């Protein structure tokens, strides 16, 4: 996704950021790492993210769930 916010570009050093989008296919997966973070760190991440991202609780292949920032245009509340 192209980032239009100059402050975000300055902080990240990038004009384009990856974004997760819901496809509806159970076979589609995103490789990644789960981090344990504090409530304060989640609040900081929420404040940093632009409106194009939305945080949802997503099911993981392990059966656990984790907060994930996804494309706000197609976001659901997880599940």
N, C-alpha and C. Protein backbone atom coordinates (compact mmCIF):
# COMPACT_ATOMS: atom_id res chain seq x y z
N UNK A 1 0.84 -1.16 0.00
CA UNK A 1 0.00 0.00 0.00
C UNK A 1 0.89 1.23 0.00
N UNK A 2 0.54 2.21 -0.81
CA UNK A 2 1.29 3.46 -0.84
C UNK A 2 0.89 4.31 0.36
N UNK A 3 1.88 4.83 1.06
CA UNK A 3 1.65 5.67 2.23
C UNK A 3 1.69 7.13 1.80
N UNK A 4 0.63 7.84 2.07
CA UNK A 4 0.52 9.25 1.68
C UNK A 4 0.91 10.20 2.82
N UNK A 5 0.88 9.71 4.05
CA UNK A 5 1.17 10.53 5.23
C UNK A 5 2.67 10.74 5.35
N UNK A 6 3.13 11.97 5.16
CA UNK A 6 4.56 12.28 5.18
C UNK A 6 5.20 11.94 6.53
N UNK A 7 4.47 12.10 7.61
CA UNK A 7 5.01 11.78 8.93
C UNK A 7 5.27 10.28 9.07
N UNK A 8 4.36 9.45 8.55
CA UNK A 8 4.54 8.00 8.60
C UNK A 8 5.72 7.59 7.73
N UNK A 9 5.83 8.20 6.54
CA UNK A 9 6.97 7.90 5.65
C UNK A 9 8.28 8.28 6.35
N UNK A 10 8.29 9.42 7.01
CA UNK A 10 9.51 9.85 7.71
C UNK A 10 9.87 8.88 8.83
N UNK A 11 8.88 8.38 9.56
CA UNK A 11 9.14 7.46 10.66
C UNK A 11 9.60 6.09 10.17
N UNK A 12 8.96 5.60 9.11
CA UNK A 12 9.26 4.25 8.65
C UNK A 12 10.37 4.21 7.61
N UNK A 13 10.57 5.32 6.92
CA UNK A 13 11.58 5.36 5.85
C UNK A 13 11.11 4.69 4.57
N UNK A 14 9.81 4.38 4.50
CA UNK A 14 9.27 3.68 3.33
C UNK A 14 8.01 4.37 2.83
N UNK A 15 7.85 4.40 1.51
CA UNK A 15 6.65 4.98 0.91
C UNK A 15 5.57 3.93 0.67
N UNK A 16 5.92 2.65 0.76
CA UNK A 16 4.96 1.56 0.58
C UNK A 16 5.11 0.57 1.74
N UNK A 17 3.97 0.15 2.28
CA UNK A 17 3.95 -0.82 3.38
C UNK A 17 3.12 -2.02 2.96
N UNK A 18 3.48 -3.22 3.44
CA UNK A 18 2.65 -4.39 3.15
C UNK A 18 1.33 -4.31 3.91
N UNK A 19 0.32 -4.97 3.39
CA UNK A 19 -0.98 -4.98 4.06
C UNK A 19 -1.64 -6.34 3.86
N UNK A 20 -2.24 -6.88 4.90
CA UNK A 20 -2.94 -8.15 4.85
C UNK A 20 -4.38 -7.87 4.43
N UNK A 21 -4.86 -8.66 3.48
CA UNK A 21 -6.24 -8.52 3.02
C UNK A 21 -6.97 -9.85 3.10
N UNK A 22 -8.21 -9.83 3.55
CA UNK A 22 -9.03 -11.02 3.65
C UNK A 22 -9.43 -11.49 2.26
N UNK A 23 -9.22 -12.77 1.95
CA UNK A 23 -9.56 -13.32 0.64
C UNK A 23 -10.77 -14.24 0.68
N UNK A 24 -11.11 -14.74 1.87
CA UNK A 24 -12.21 -15.68 1.99
C UNK A 24 -11.79 -17.12 1.79
N UNK A 25 -10.54 -17.35 1.43
CA UNK A 25 -10.05 -18.70 1.19
C UNK A 25 -9.30 -19.22 2.40
N UNK A 26 -9.73 -20.37 2.93
CA UNK A 26 -9.07 -20.97 4.10
C UNK A 26 -7.64 -21.41 3.79
N UNK A 27 -7.32 -21.59 2.51
CA UNK A 27 -5.97 -22.01 2.13
C UNK A 27 -4.97 -20.85 2.14
N UNK A 28 -5.45 -19.63 2.09
CA UNK A 28 -4.54 -18.48 2.07
C UNK A 28 -3.99 -18.24 3.47
N UNK A 29 -2.67 -18.13 3.55
CA UNK A 29 -1.98 -17.95 4.84
C UNK A 29 -0.98 -16.82 4.73
N UNK A 30 -0.66 -16.24 5.86
CA UNK A 30 0.38 -15.22 5.97
C UNK A 30 1.43 -15.75 6.94
N UNK A 31 2.66 -15.84 6.49
CA UNK A 31 3.75 -16.25 7.38
C UNK A 31 4.12 -15.07 8.25
N UNK A 32 4.44 -15.34 9.49
CA UNK A 32 4.81 -14.24 10.37
C UNK A 32 5.23 -14.72 11.74
N UNK A 33 5.43 -13.77 12.60
CA UNK A 33 5.86 -14.02 13.97
C UNK A 33 4.88 -13.36 14.92
N UNK A 34 4.51 -14.06 15.97
CA UNK A 34 3.65 -13.51 17.00
C UNK A 34 4.54 -12.95 18.11
N UNK A 35 4.27 -11.72 18.49
CA UNK A 35 5.01 -11.08 19.58
C UNK A 35 4.07 -10.86 20.76
N UNK A 36 4.59 -11.06 21.95
CA UNK A 36 3.83 -10.73 23.15
C UNK A 36 4.12 -9.27 23.47
N UNK A 37 3.06 -8.46 23.51
CA UNK A 37 3.23 -7.03 23.76
C UNK A 37 2.28 -6.59 24.86
N UNK A 38 2.60 -5.46 25.45
CA UNK A 38 1.76 -4.91 26.52
C UNK A 38 0.59 -4.13 25.92
N UNK A 39 -0.39 -3.85 26.75
CA UNK A 39 -1.52 -3.02 26.32
C UNK A 39 -1.04 -1.65 25.86
N UNK A 40 -0.05 -1.09 26.56
CA UNK A 40 0.50 0.21 26.17
C UNK A 40 1.15 0.15 24.79
N UNK A 41 1.82 -0.95 24.49
CA UNK A 41 2.45 -1.10 23.17
C UNK A 41 1.40 -1.24 22.07
N UNK A 42 0.30 -1.93 22.38
CA UNK A 42 -0.80 -2.04 21.41
C UNK A 42 -1.38 -0.65 21.15
N UNK A 43 -1.58 0.12 22.20
CA UNK A 43 -2.11 1.48 22.04
C UNK A 43 -1.17 2.35 21.20
N UNK A 44 0.14 2.19 21.39
CA UNK A 44 1.10 2.94 20.59
C UNK A 44 1.03 2.52 19.13
N UNK A 45 0.89 1.23 18.88
CA UNK A 45 0.79 0.74 17.51
C UNK A 45 -0.50 1.24 16.86
N UNK A 46 -1.59 1.24 17.60
CA UNK A 46 -2.86 1.75 17.07
C UNK A 46 -2.73 3.23 16.70
N UNK A 47 -2.05 4.00 17.53
CA UNK A 47 -1.87 5.42 17.26
C UNK A 47 -0.99 5.65 16.03
N UNK A 48 -0.04 4.77 15.79
CA UNK A 48 0.89 4.88 14.67
C UNK A 48 0.22 4.54 13.35
N UNK A 49 -0.60 3.49 13.33
CA UNK A 49 -1.18 3.01 12.07
C UNK A 49 -2.14 4.03 11.46
N UNK A 50 -2.10 4.11 10.13
CA UNK A 50 -2.98 5.02 9.39
C UNK A 50 -4.35 4.37 9.24
N UNK A 51 -5.34 5.13 8.79
CA UNK A 51 -6.72 4.65 8.69
C UNK A 51 -6.89 3.49 7.73
N UNK A 52 -5.93 3.25 6.85
CA UNK A 52 -6.02 2.14 5.89
C UNK A 52 -5.88 0.79 6.59
N UNK A 53 -5.37 0.79 7.82
CA UNK A 53 -5.19 -0.44 8.59
C UNK A 53 -6.24 -0.50 9.70
N UNK A 54 -6.65 -1.72 10.00
CA UNK A 54 -7.54 -1.95 11.13
C UNK A 54 -7.02 -3.16 11.88
N UNK A 55 -7.03 -3.10 13.21
CA UNK A 55 -6.57 -4.23 14.02
C UNK A 55 -7.74 -5.16 14.27
N UNK A 56 -7.55 -6.46 13.95
CA UNK A 56 -8.57 -7.47 14.18
C UNK A 56 -7.94 -8.66 14.89
N UNK A 57 -8.75 -9.41 15.59
CA UNK A 57 -8.30 -10.64 16.23
C UNK A 57 -8.46 -11.75 15.20
N UNK A 58 -7.34 -12.33 14.80
CA UNK A 58 -7.34 -13.31 13.71
C UNK A 58 -6.95 -14.69 14.22
N UNK A 59 -7.58 -15.73 13.67
CA UNK A 59 -7.22 -17.10 14.05
C UNK A 59 -5.88 -17.48 13.41
N UNK A 60 -5.06 -18.19 14.16
CA UNK A 60 -3.77 -18.66 13.66
C UNK A 60 -3.85 -20.15 13.34
N UNK A 61 -2.94 -20.63 12.52
CA UNK A 61 -2.91 -22.05 12.16
C UNK A 61 -2.77 -22.94 13.40
N UNK A 62 -2.15 -22.41 14.45
CA UNK A 62 -1.94 -23.17 15.69
C UNK A 62 -3.23 -23.37 16.48
N UNK A 63 -4.26 -22.61 16.13
CA UNK A 63 -5.51 -22.64 16.89
C UNK A 63 -5.64 -21.46 17.84
N UNK A 64 -4.53 -20.78 18.10
CA UNK A 64 -4.56 -19.57 18.94
C UNK A 64 -5.05 -18.40 18.08
N UNK A 65 -5.21 -17.25 18.70
CA UNK A 65 -5.58 -16.03 17.99
C UNK A 65 -4.57 -14.94 18.33
N UNK A 66 -4.45 -13.97 17.43
CA UNK A 66 -3.54 -12.85 17.67
C UNK A 66 -4.09 -11.61 16.97
N UNK A 67 -3.74 -10.45 17.51
CA UNK A 67 -4.10 -9.19 16.85
C UNK A 67 -3.27 -9.04 15.59
N UNK A 68 -3.92 -8.64 14.51
CA UNK A 68 -3.27 -8.46 13.22
C UNK A 68 -3.80 -7.16 12.60
N UNK A 69 -2.91 -6.39 12.01
CA UNK A 69 -3.36 -5.20 11.27
C UNK A 69 -3.63 -5.61 9.84
N UNK A 70 -4.84 -5.31 9.37
CA UNK A 70 -5.30 -5.74 8.05
C UNK A 70 -5.80 -4.53 7.27
N UNK A 71 -6.07 -4.76 5.99
CA UNK A 71 -6.64 -3.75 5.12
C UNK A 71 -8.03 -3.39 5.65
N UNK A 72 -8.23 -2.15 6.05
CA UNK A 72 -9.49 -1.71 6.65
C UNK A 72 -10.66 -1.83 5.69
N UNK A 73 -10.40 -1.81 4.39
CA UNK A 73 -11.49 -1.87 3.40
C UNK A 73 -12.19 -3.22 3.41
N UNK A 74 -11.52 -4.29 3.82
CA UNK A 74 -12.15 -5.61 3.80
C UNK A 74 -12.10 -6.29 5.13
N UNK A 75 -11.84 -5.54 6.19
CA UNK A 75 -11.66 -6.13 7.53
C UNK A 75 -12.97 -6.59 8.12
N UNK A 76 -12.90 -7.73 8.79
CA UNK A 76 -14.00 -8.18 9.64
C UNK A 76 -13.45 -8.18 11.06
N UNK A 77 -14.24 -8.59 11.99
CA UNK A 77 -13.77 -8.62 13.39
C UNK A 77 -13.04 -9.91 13.72
N UNK A 78 -12.54 -10.59 12.71
CA UNK A 78 -11.81 -11.83 12.95
C UNK A 78 -12.76 -13.00 13.01
N UNK A 79 -12.25 -14.10 13.54
CA UNK A 79 -13.16 -15.24 13.67
C UNK A 79 -12.54 -16.43 13.28
